[in-house]
Amino acid sequence: MDNMTYIQSYLKESMSVKQDLINNTGVLACIDEAATMVINAYRGNNKVLLAGNGGSAADSQHIAAEFVSRFFYDRPGLPALALTTDSSMLTAIGNDYGFVNLFSRQVQAQGSRGDVFIGISTSGYSENIMNAVKAAKEHGLHTIAFCGEGGVIKDEVDIAICIPSGCTPYIQECHITVGHIICAIVEKTIFPRD
């Protein structure tokens, strides 16, 4: 297969997952519920915490930045923290408490009742994300998972946004799209434009 054919094939496969997402009213309802959960947290003077591993860590940082900076237009920043960014904290926690506790320790320290924790795991099995969800529940945070069609995290959170695919790259592409949709809904609801 030449590169042009491969590019077209990849794009078609990626688009088919998004088309499945468009037609999945259950997942669309979960996206809507997640946006409402975040809106309610912000209206209650709370914040959003996000975490993931690898590409999902980058997605956590990306989505946090959209809340704090801006999405479609200028408006006041909204408080959001990616728990993946501080190398001193990550290495200290990893060294003292193990990789599986990287995020749960931060949720315990930084999270407050009424905050929202968004855990991103394409496999749905990331142990450090599962532990963070458990810590979030223990401390009164609301919980959202971005995952694929597999895994167990979807059964442990308040709202699970399960992308209808088992292919990691396509799941990740949909995760950032879903993150953008939530940011857009939050922005237009909290800071409506005339």
Foldseek 3Di string as FASTA:
>chain_A
DDPVVVVVVVVVVLVVLVVVVVVPVVLVVLLVVVLVLQLQLVVVVAEEEEEEPDLRLVLQVVLQCCQQAHFPDDDHHGHYYYLNPDPVLQVVCCVPPNNLQSQLVVCLVPPAASYEYEYEDAQQARNSSLSNLVSCVVRRHAYEYQYAPDYDNCVSHPGYNHRDDNDVVSSSVVSSVSSSVSSVSSCCVVPNDD
